């Protein structure tokens, strides 16, 4: 019996010697060399500041700079919406603050959240009406509305 335990211990320890380097925490080559533009860095900093200053009530907010105007098509915004050279803000209602609201309640909620979020990117986007486009979605990724050229729109309109 002692020989079987000893043999099992020796075989187990030898198998650990031949296991590949799992668990060594090596960073993949090139992962640390990726370069971010200054605007991407600043927008990420704005997102972190938004989350840190609203630790118990923040919505899922992402800021993007769209140099080519691709975000309008990617997020399914109406054709008249142009996101080229604008900051695109994607707000997902992860706290269900917009659920069960009337049309006017939604528009009022959009205005409050837009002005609050704009305060964090105001240094980058000097005019809210011309420099940003905002999309609101429910927690299930159902579009609720958007902000474009100073106007709030419900998705169904």
C-alpha atoms as a PDB file:
ATOM      1  CA  UNK A   1       0.000   0.000   0.000  1.00  0.00           C
ATOM      2  CA  UNK A   2       2.843   2.368   0.848  1.00  0.00           C
ATOM      3  CA  UNK A   3       4.469   1.604  -2.489  1.00  0.00           C
ATOM      4  CA  UNK A   4       1.292   2.513  -4.385  1.00  0.00           C
ATOM      5  CA  UNK A   5       1.044   5.862  -2.577  1.00  0.00           C
ATOM      6  CA  UNK A   6       4.718   6.559  -3.199  1.00  0.00           C
ATOM      7  CA  UNK A   7       4.351   5.652  -6.856  1.00  0.00           C
ATOM      8  CA  UNK A   8       1.273   7.883  -7.154  1.00  0.00           C
ATOM      9  CA  UNK A   9       3.144  10.806  -5.550  1.00  0.00           C
ATOM     10  CA  UNK A  10       6.127  10.357  -7.878  1.00  0.00           C
ATOM     11  CA  UNK A  11       3.937  10.124 -10.996  1.00  0.00           C
ATOM     12  CA  UNK A  12       1.902  13.150  -9.932  1.00  0.00           C
ATOM     13  CA  UNK A  13       4.993  15.251  -9.260  1.00  0.00           C
ATOM     14  CA  UNK A  14       6.512  14.219 -12.610  1.00  0.00           C
ATOM     15  CA  UNK A  15       3.314  15.158 -14.424  1.00  0.00           C
ATOM     16  CA  UNK A  16       3.473  18.650 -12.868  1.00  0.00           C
ATOM     17  CA  UNK A  17       7.021  18.996 -14.213  1.00  0.00           C
ATOM     18  CA  UNK A  18       5.843  18.382 -17.782  1.00  0.00           C
ATOM     19  CA  UNK A  19       2.803  20.679 -17.671  1.00  0.00           C
ATOM     20  CA  UNK A  20       3.249  23.703 -19.892  1.00  0.00           C
ATOM     21  CA  UNK A  21       3.669  27.148 -18.375  1.00  0.00           C
ATOM     22  CA  UNK A  22       0.025  27.533 -17.398  1.00  0.00           C
ATOM     23  CA  UNK A  23      -0.413  30.146 -14.711  1.00  0.00           C
ATOM     24  CA  UNK A  24       2.802  32.056 -15.231  1.00  0.00           C
ATOM     25  CA  UNK A  25       0.925  35.215 -16.294  1.00  0.00           C
ATOM     26  CA  UNK A  26       2.932  35.996 -19.394  1.00  0.00           C
ATOM     27  CA  UNK A  27       1.630  38.960 -21.373  1.00  0.00           C
ATOM     28  CA  UNK A  28       1.139  38.119 -25.070  1.00  0.00           C
ATOM     29  CA  UNK A  29       3.738  39.718 -27.307  1.00  0.00           C
ATOM     30  CA  UNK A  30       2.526  42.978 -28.765  1.00  0.00           C
ATOM     31  CA  UNK A  31      -0.345  43.498 -26.328  1.00  0.00           C
ATOM     32  CA  UNK A  32       1.523  46.244 -24.518  1.00  0.00           C
ATOM     33  CA  UNK A  33       2.600  47.970 -27.730  1.00  0.00           C
ATOM     34  CA  UNK A  34      -0.875  48.969 -28.944  1.00  0.00           C
ATOM     35  CA  UNK A  35      -1.111  52.719 -29.347  1.00  0.00           C
ATOM     36  CA  UNK A  36      -4.224  54.684 -28.509  1.00  0.00           C
ATOM     37  CA  UNK A  37      -4.850  58.135 -29.873  1.00  0.00           C
ATOM     38  CA  UNK A  38      -5.012  61.050 -27.472  1.00  0.00           C
ATOM     39  CA  UNK A  39      -8.762  61.444 -27.987  1.00  0.00           C
ATOM     40  CA  UNK A  40      -9.352  57.746 -27.199  1.00  0.00           C
ATOM     41  CA  UNK A  41      -7.311  58.087 -24.037  1.00  0.00           C
ATOM     42  CA  UNK A  42      -9.150  61.243 -22.959  1.00  0.00           C
ATOM     43  CA  UNK A  43     -12.573  59.701 -23.654  1.00  0.00           C
ATOM     44  CA  UNK A  44     -11.662  56.635 -21.621  1.00  0.00           C
ATOM     45  CA  UNK A  45     -10.574  58.943 -18.813  1.00  0.00           C
ATOM     46  CA  UNK A  46     -13.961  60.729 -19.054  1.00  0.00           C
ATOM     47  CA  UNK A  47     -15.743  57.388 -18.756  1.00  0.00           C
ATOM     48  CA  UNK A  48     -13.745  56.430 -15.685  1.00  0.00           C
ATOM     49  CA  UNK A  49     -14.410  59.834 -14.115  1.00  0.00           C
ATOM     50  CA  UNK A  50     -18.149  59.432 -14.784  1.00  0.00           C
ATOM     51  CA  UNK A  51     -18.204  56.006 -13.129  1.00  0.00           C
ATOM     52  CA  UNK A  52     -16.075  57.076 -10.160  1.00  0.00           C
ATOM     53  CA  UNK A  53     -18.177  60.168  -9.447  1.00  0.00           C
ATOM     54  CA  UNK A  54     -21.444  58.199  -9.669  1.00  0.00           C
ATOM     55  CA  UNK A  55     -20.535  54.920  -7.951  1.00  0.00           C
ATOM     56  CA  UNK A  56     -24.065  53.870  -7.006  1.00  0.00           C
ATOM     57  CA  UNK A  57     -26.162  55.220  -9.867  1.00  0.00           C
ATOM     58  CA  UNK A  58     -24.064  55.262 -13.043  1.00  0.00           C
ATOM     59  CA  UNK A  59     -25.451  54.017 -16.330  1.00  0.00           C
ATOM     60  CA  UNK A  60     -23.386  52.011 -18.768  1.00  0.00           C
ATOM     61  CA  UNK A  61     -21.831  54.830 -20.777  1.00  0.00           C
ATOM     62  CA  UNK A  62     -19.262  54.507 -23.562  1.00  0.00           C
ATOM     63  CA  UNK A  63     -17.615  57.408 -25.379  1.00  0.00           C
ATOM     64  CA  UNK A  64     -16.204  57.043 -28.891  1.00  0.00           C
ATOM     65  CA  UNK A  65     -14.700  59.445 -31.385  1.00  0.00           C
ATOM     66  CA  UNK A  66     -15.916  58.671 -34.899  1.00  0.00           C
ATOM     67  CA  UNK A  67     -13.518  60.104 -37.506  1.00  0.00           C
ATOM     68  CA  UNK A  68     -15.153  58.289 -40.443  1.00  0.00           C
ATOM     69  CA  UNK A  69     -18.854  58.372 -39.540  1.00  0.00           C
ATOM     70  CA  UNK A  70     -19.241  54.605 -39.201  1.00  0.00           C
ATOM     71  CA  UNK A  71     -21.046  54.530 -35.858  1.00  0.00           C
ATOM     72  CA  UNK A  72     -24.371  55.715 -37.272  1.00  0.00           C
ATOM     73  CA  UNK A  73     -24.591  52.614 -39.475  1.00  0.00           C
ATOM     74  CA  UNK A  74     -23.071  50.288 -36.880  1.00  0.00           C
ATOM     75  CA  UNK A  75     -25.649  51.219 -34.252  1.00  0.00           C
ATOM     76  CA  UNK A  76     -28.553  51.438 -36.722  1.00  0.00           C
ATOM     77  CA  UNK A  77     -29.252  55.154 -36.390  1.00  0.00           C
ATOM     78  CA  UNK A  78     -31.463  56.809 -39.020  1.00  0.00           C
ATOM     79  CA  UNK A  79     -29.718  57.740 -42.283  1.00  0.00           C
ATOM     80  CA  UNK A  80     -29.949  61.468 -41.650  1.00  0.00           C
ATOM     81  CA  UNK A  81     -27.746  61.138 -38.529  1.00  0.00           C
ATOM     82  CA  UNK A  82     -24.118  61.929 -39.292  1.00  0.00           C
ATOM     83  CA  UNK A  83     -21.535  60.902 -36.687  1.00  0.00           C
ATOM     84  CA  UNK A  84     -18.450  61.859 -38.691  1.00  0.00           C
ATOM     85  CA  UNK A  85     -15.911  63.803 -36.584  1.00  0.00           C
ATOM     86  CA  UNK A  86     -18.235  63.725 -33.586  1.00  0.00           C
ATOM     87  CA  UNK A  87     -18.145  62.123 -30.186  1.00  0.00           C
ATOM     88  CA  UNK A  88     -20.601  59.252 -30.107  1.00  0.00           C
ATOM     89  CA  UNK A  89     -22.036  58.414 -26.684  1.00  0.00           C
ATOM     90  CA  UNK A  90     -23.690  55.041 -26.160  1.00  0.00           C
ATOM     91  CA  UNK A  91     -25.845  54.949 -23.013  1.00  0.00           C
ATOM     92  CA  UNK A  92     -27.316  51.613 -21.946  1.00  0.00           C
ATOM     93  CA  UNK A  93     -30.022  51.649 -19.276  1.00  0.00           C
ATOM     94  CA  UNK A  94     -28.544  48.976 -17.026  1.00  0.00           C
ATOM     95  CA  UNK A  95     -30.584  50.231 -14.036  1.00  0.00           C
ATOM     96  CA  UNK A  96     -34.052  50.289 -15.684  1.00  0.00           C
ATOM     97  CA  UNK A  97     -34.564  53.989 -15.000  1.00  0.00           C
ATOM     98  CA  UNK A  98     -36.286  54.451 -18.371  1.00  0.00           C
ATOM     99  CA  UNK A  99     -38.585  51.422 -18.208  1.00  0.00           C
ATOM    100  CA  UNK A 100     -42.284  52.158 -17.908  1.00  0.00           C
ATOM    101  CA  UNK A 101     -41.897  55.860 -18.729  1.00  0.00           C
ATOM    102  CA  UNK A 102     -44.263  57.787 -20.960  1.00  0.00           C
ATOM    103  CA  UNK A 103     -43.085  59.553 -24.105  1.00  0.00           C
ATOM    104  CA  UNK A 104     -42.577  62.821 -22.219  1.00  0.00           C
ATOM    105  CA  UNK A 105     -40.972  61.035 -19.289  1.00  0.00           C
ATOM    106  CA  UNK A 106     -38.456  59.416 -21.601  1.00  0.00           C
ATOM    107  CA  UNK A 107     -37.592  62.703 -23.292  1.00  0.00           C
ATOM    108  CA  UNK A 108     -37.158  64.411 -19.916  1.00  0.00           C
ATOM    109  CA  UNK A 109     -34.970  61.535 -18.712  1.00  0.00           C
ATOM    110  CA  UNK A 110     -32.882  61.716 -21.876  1.00  0.00           C
ATOM    111  CA  UNK A 111     -32.319  65.427 -21.346  1.00  0.00           C
ATOM    112  CA  UNK A 112     -31.223  64.986 -17.728  1.00  0.00           C
ATOM    113  CA  UNK A 113     -28.817  62.141 -18.521  1.00  0.00           C
ATOM    114  CA  UNK A 114     -27.438  63.883 -21.621  1.00  0.00           C
ATOM    115  CA  UNK A 115     -26.640  67.064 -19.716  1.00  0.00           C
ATOM    116  CA  UNK A 116     -25.106  65.071 -16.868  1.00  0.00           C
ATOM    117  CA  UNK A 117     -22.912  62.976 -19.163  1.00  0.00           C
ATOM    118  CA  UNK A 118     -21.991  66.015 -21.275  1.00  0.00           C
ATOM    119  CA  UNK A 119     -20.457  67.597 -18.176  1.00  0.00           C
ATOM    120  CA  UNK A 120     -17.747  64.934 -18.286  1.00  0.00           C
ATOM    121  CA  UNK A 121     -16.788  65.526 -21.938  1.00  0.00           C
ATOM    122  CA  UNK A 122     -17.399  69.273 -22.079  1.00  0.00           C
ATOM    123  CA  UNK A 123     -13.687  70.012 -22.404  1.00  0.00           C
ATOM    124  CA  UNK A 124     -13.528  67.845 -25.550  1.00  0.00           C
ATOM    125  CA  UNK A 125     -16.904  68.704 -27.074  1.00  0.00           C
ATOM    126  CA  UNK A 126     -17.407  72.434 -26.704  1.00  0.00           C
ATOM    127  CA  UNK A 127     -20.909  72.513 -28.225  1.00  0.00           C
ATOM    128  CA  UNK A 128     -23.340  69.791 -27.224  1.00  0.00           C
ATOM    129  CA  UNK A 129     -25.590  70.384 -30.235  1.00  0.00           C
ATOM    130  CA  UNK A 130     -22.918  69.994 -32.898  1.00  0.00           C
ATOM    131  CA  UNK A 131     -20.151  67.892 -31.365  1.00  0.00           C
ATOM    132  CA  UNK A 132     -21.933  64.850 -29.944  1.00  0.00           C
ATOM    133  CA  UNK A 133     -24.486  62.205 -30.871  1.00  0.00           C
ATOM    134  CA  UNK A 134     -26.067  60.135 -28.097  1.00  0.00           C
ATOM    135  CA  UNK A 135     -27.889  56.815 -28.361  1.00  0.00           C
ATOM    136  CA  UNK A 136     -29.977  55.436 -25.481  1.00  0.00           C
ATOM    137  CA  UNK A 137     -30.721  51.711 -25.310  1.00  0.00           C
ATOM    138  CA  UNK A 138     -32.460  49.476 -22.810  1.00  0.00           C
ATOM    139  CA  UNK A 139     -30.571  46.804 -20.912  1.00  0.00           C
ATOM    140  CA  UNK A 140     -31.645  44.331 -23.611  1.00  0.00           C
ATOM    141  CA  UNK A 141     -30.058  46.504 -26.364  1.00  0.00           C
ATOM    142  CA  UNK A 142     -33.403  47.789 -27.611  1.00  0.00           C
ATOM    143  CA  UNK A 143     -32.912  51.359 -28.903  1.00  0.00           C
ATOM    144  CA  UNK A 144     -34.964  53.898 -26.961  1.00  0.00           C
ATOM    145  CA  UNK A 145     -33.950  57.215 -28.484  1.00  0.00           C
ATOM    146  CA  UNK A 146     -31.141  59.443 -29.649  1.00  0.00           C
ATOM    147  CA  UNK A 147     -29.828  63.009 -29.482  1.00  0.00           C
ATOM    148  CA  UNK A 148     -28.713  64.694 -32.689  1.00  0.00           C
ATOM    149  CA  UNK A 149     -28.168  68.355 -33.595  1.00  0.00           C
ATOM    150  CA  UNK A 150     -29.663  69.640 -30.353  1.00  0.00           C
ATOM    151  CA  UNK A 151     -32.859  67.579 -30.530  1.00  0.00           C
ATOM    152  CA  UNK A 152     -34.029  64.554 -28.573  1.00  0.00           C
ATOM    153  CA  UNK A 153     -35.802  61.861 -30.571  1.00  0.00           C
ATOM    154  CA  UNK A 154     -37.650  58.740 -29.512  1.00  0.00           C
ATOM    155  CA  UNK A 155     -36.700  55.660 -31.488  1.00  0.00           C
ATOM    156  CA  UNK A 156     -40.264  54.897 -32.556  1.00  0.00           C
ATOM    157  CA  UNK A 157     -40.732  58.351 -34.178  1.00  0.00           C
END
